Amino acid sequence: MRTRLFRLLLVPVDLVVALVIVLDELARPLYRPLLAWFGAFRIVARIEAAIGRLPPYGVLALLAVPFAVAEPLKLLSLVLLARGAWFGGIALMAIGHLTSFLLVERIYHAGRAQLLTIGWFARCMAWLDRIREVVVERVKASAAWRRAAALVRAVRERGRAWLAWLSGRRQRDRNSG
C-alpha cells in the first residue's frame, strides 16, 4: 500500500520532469547553432581551456555562478509576466535562458571530466541521464510523438518543395529577364 501511495505521489514529479526533458529536447536544435557560434570565439576557447585546468570543486563553484544569476532572473521574469509586463517578462526570461544555455553548457562541457571525479556528482549525473533516457524513450514511443514527428516531416517536405519551387522560379526569372 505504501509503495502504491508513494508512486501516486510521484506522478506530478514525473510529469514535470517529463515536460522539462521534452522541452529541452525540442529546444536543443534551436540553441545548438548558437552554442557552436559562441564556442567558436578564441576567447571562449581560452576560457574553456582554463576551466579544464581547474580542480573539480573549482569547476563546480564556477558552474554555480551562472545558476545563481540565471535562476533568479527566470523567477523574476515569471513575476513580471504575472503582473502583465509581457515584454519585460519575456525579455528577462530569454536572458535567463540564454545565460543558462551559453554559460552553463560551456562550463559543464569544459569541466565535465573534473566534475565526474566528484563521486556524488557523477552518481547524480548518471541518475539524471537514466531518467532522461527513460522519459525520452516513453515519449518517443507515444502516439502523440509519432503524430508530431509525422507532422514535422510533412512540414519539412512541404518547405523543401516550396524552396525548390521558389528557386526554380527565380532561375526562370533570371533566364527570361
Protein backbone atom coordinates (compact mmCIF):
# COMPACT_ATOMS: atom_id res chain seq x y z
CA MET A 1 0.00 0.00 0.00
CA ARG A 2 2.83 2.41 0.88
CA THR A 3 4.64 1.85 -2.40
CA ARG A 4 1.42 2.45 -4.34
CA LEU A 5 0.80 5.69 -2.45
CA PHE A 6 4.42 6.74 -2.96
CA ARG A 7 4.17 6.07 -6.71
CA LEU A 8 0.94 8.04 -6.86
CA LEU A 9 2.59 10.98 -5.11
CA LEU A 10 5.45 10.88 -7.63
CA VAL A 11 3.12 11.25 -10.66
CA PRO A 12 3.21 15.08 -10.62
CA VAL A 13 7.00 14.98 -10.25
CA ASP A 14 7.23 12.58 -13.20
CA LEU A 15 5.04 14.88 -15.28
CA VAL A 16 7.15 17.94 -14.51
CA VAL A 17 10.41 16.09 -15.20
CA ALA A 18 8.99 14.72 -18.46
CA LEU A 19 7.85 18.18 -19.53
CA VAL A 20 11.24 19.74 -18.80
CA ILE A 21 13.08 16.98 -20.66
CA VAL A 22 10.76 17.11 -23.67
CA LEU A 23 11.04 20.90 -23.86
CA ASP A 24 14.83 20.60 -23.65
CA GLU A 25 14.83 18.03 -26.44
CA LEU A 26 12.66 20.27 -28.60
CA ALA A 27 14.72 23.40 -27.90
CA ARG A 28 18.13 21.77 -28.31
CA PRO A 29 18.18 22.00 -32.15
CA LEU A 30 17.30 25.68 -31.85
CA TYR A 31 20.09 26.65 -29.48
CA ARG A 32 22.80 24.24 -30.70
CA PRO A 33 23.88 26.61 -33.55
CA LEU A 34 24.08 29.46 -31.04
CA LEU A 35 26.33 27.34 -28.81
CA ALA A 36 28.56 26.48 -31.77
CA TRP A 37 28.78 30.16 -32.79
CA PHE A 38 29.59 31.23 -29.23
CA GLY A 39 32.14 28.44 -28.81
CA ALA A 40 33.97 29.48 -31.99
CA PHE A 41 35.33 32.64 -30.39
CA ARG A 42 39.01 32.36 -29.49
CA ILE A 43 38.44 33.92 -26.06
CA VAL A 44 35.83 31.27 -25.26
CA ALA A 45 38.28 28.52 -26.21
CA ARG A 46 40.90 30.05 -23.90
CA ILE A 47 38.43 30.33 -21.03
CA GLU A 48 37.33 26.73 -21.57
CA ALA A 49 40.96 25.59 -21.51
CA ALA A 50 41.45 27.44 -18.22
CA ILE A 51 38.29 25.83 -16.83
CA GLY A 52 39.68 22.44 -17.88
CA ARG A 53 42.72 23.05 -15.67
CA LEU A 54 40.68 23.88 -12.55
CA PRO A 55 40.28 21.36 -9.72
CA PRO A 56 36.91 19.56 -9.59
CA TYR A 57 35.35 21.72 -6.88
CA GLY A 58 36.65 24.85 -8.62
CA VAL A 59 34.70 23.85 -11.73
CA LEU A 60 31.67 23.12 -9.55
CA ALA A 61 31.87 26.55 -7.92
CA LEU A 62 32.25 28.18 -11.33
CA LEU A 63 29.24 26.21 -12.58
CA ALA A 64 27.17 27.53 -9.68
CA VAL A 65 27.73 31.19 -10.65
CA PRO A 66 25.53 31.23 -13.80
CA PHE A 67 22.87 29.28 -11.92
CA ALA A 68 22.96 31.88 -9.16
CA VAL A 69 22.37 34.57 -11.79
CA ALA A 70 20.06 32.86 -14.29
CA GLU A 71 17.60 31.13 -11.98
CA PRO A 72 16.58 34.29 -10.08
CA LEU A 73 16.20 36.05 -13.45
CA LYS A 74 13.80 33.34 -14.56
CA LEU A 75 11.78 33.65 -11.36
CA LEU A 76 11.69 37.44 -11.67
CA SER A 77 10.52 37.07 -15.27
CA LEU A 78 7.60 34.93 -14.07
CA VAL A 79 6.66 37.65 -11.58
CA LEU A 80 6.76 40.25 -14.36
CA LEU A 81 4.63 38.05 -16.59
CA ALA A 82 2.13 37.51 -13.77
CA ARG A 83 1.87 41.29 -13.33
CA GLY A 84 1.18 41.78 -17.02
CA ALA A 85 4.59 43.14 -18.01
CA TRP A 86 4.78 40.88 -21.06
CA PHE A 87 7.69 42.48 -22.88
CA GLY A 88 9.89 42.75 -19.78
CA GLY A 89 8.95 39.27 -18.58
CA ILE A 90 9.64 37.61 -21.91
CA ALA A 91 12.88 39.56 -22.38
CA LEU A 92 14.09 38.65 -18.90
CA MET A 93 13.09 35.01 -19.42
CA ALA A 94 15.06 34.94 -22.68
CA ILE A 95 18.11 36.47 -20.99
CA GLY A 96 17.90 33.95 -18.14
CA HIS A 97 17.63 31.01 -20.51
CA LEU A 98 20.34 32.36 -22.78
CA THR A 99 22.63 32.73 -19.78
CA SER A 100 21.88 29.16 -18.78
CA PHE A 101 22.32 27.77 -22.27
CA LEU A 102 25.52 29.59 -23.10
CA LEU A 103 27.40 29.72 -19.83
CA VAL A 104 26.27 26.58 -18.03
CA GLU A 105 26.60 24.44 -21.16
CA ARG A 106 30.10 25.74 -21.96
CA ILE A 107 31.36 25.50 -18.37
CA TYR A 108 29.94 21.99 -17.96
CA HIS A 109 31.44 20.87 -21.28
CA ALA A 110 34.86 22.33 -20.40
CA GLY A 111 34.96 20.91 -16.87
CA ARG A 112 32.97 17.69 -17.28
CA ALA A 113 35.96 15.40 -16.76
CA GLN A 114 36.83 17.08 -13.46
CA LEU A 115 33.22 17.19 -12.30
CA LEU A 116 32.79 13.47 -12.88
CA THR A 117 35.68 12.77 -10.50
CA ILE A 118 33.42 14.01 -7.68
CA GLY A 119 31.66 10.82 -6.59
CA TRP A 120 28.29 12.26 -5.63
CA PHE A 121 28.22 14.46 -8.73
CA ALA A 122 28.99 11.51 -11.01
CA ARG A 123 26.22 9.45 -9.35
CA CYS A 124 23.73 12.33 -9.72
CA MET A 125 24.61 12.81 -13.40
CA ALA A 126 24.29 9.07 -14.07
CA TRP A 127 20.91 9.08 -12.31
CA LEU A 128 19.74 12.12 -14.31
CA ASP A 129 20.96 10.55 -17.57
CA ARG A 130 18.99 7.37 -16.80
CA ILE A 131 15.85 9.38 -16.01
CA ARG A 132 16.25 11.37 -19.21
CA GLU A 133 16.71 8.21 -21.30
CA VAL A 134 13.60 6.57 -19.80
CA VAL A 135 11.47 9.68 -20.27
CA VAL A 136 12.66 10.23 -23.85
CA GLU A 137 12.01 6.55 -24.68
CA ARG A 138 8.48 6.76 -23.20
CA VAL A 139 7.68 9.97 -25.02
CA LYS A 140 9.07 8.73 -28.34
CA ALA A 141 7.02 5.54 -28.00
CA SER A 142 3.80 7.51 -27.62
CA ALA A 143 1.23 8.01 -30.37
CA ALA A 144 1.40 11.77 -29.85
CA TRP A 145 5.13 11.76 -30.57
CA ARG A 146 4.63 9.69 -33.74
CA ARG A 147 1.95 12.11 -34.94
CA ALA A 148 4.14 15.10 -34.13
CA ALA A 149 7.11 13.50 -35.92
CA ALA A 150 4.94 12.84 -38.98
CA LEU A 151 3.75 16.44 -38.90
CA VAL A 152 7.33 17.72 -38.70
CA ARG A 153 8.33 15.50 -41.65
CA ALA A 154 5.37 16.78 -43.68
CA VAL A 155 6.22 20.41 -42.88
CA ARG A 156 9.86 19.83 -43.84
CA GLU A 157 8.87 18.16 -47.11
CA ARG A 158 6.46 20.96 -47.93
CA GLY A 159 9.12 23.53 -47.04
CA ARG A 160 11.67 21.81 -49.27
CA ALA A 161 9.17 21.65 -52.11
CA TRP A 162 8.35 25.33 -51.65
CA LEU A 163 12.05 26.26 -51.62
CA ALA A 164 12.64 24.19 -54.76
CA TRP A 165 9.68 25.90 -56.46
CA LEU A 166 10.95 29.32 -55.36
CA SER A 167 14.47 28.54 -56.54
CA GLY A 168 13.13 27.35 -59.92
CA ARG A 169 11.02 30.45 -60.26
CA ARG A 170 13.98 32.72 -59.52
CA GLN A 171 16.06 30.84 -62.08
CA ARG A 172 13.30 31.22 -64.69
CA ASP A 173 13.01 34.93 -63.89
CA ARG A 174 16.76 35.38 -64.35
CA ASN A 175 16.73 33.49 -67.65
CA SER A 176 13.74 35.42 -69.00
CA GLY A 177 14.97 38.82 -67.85
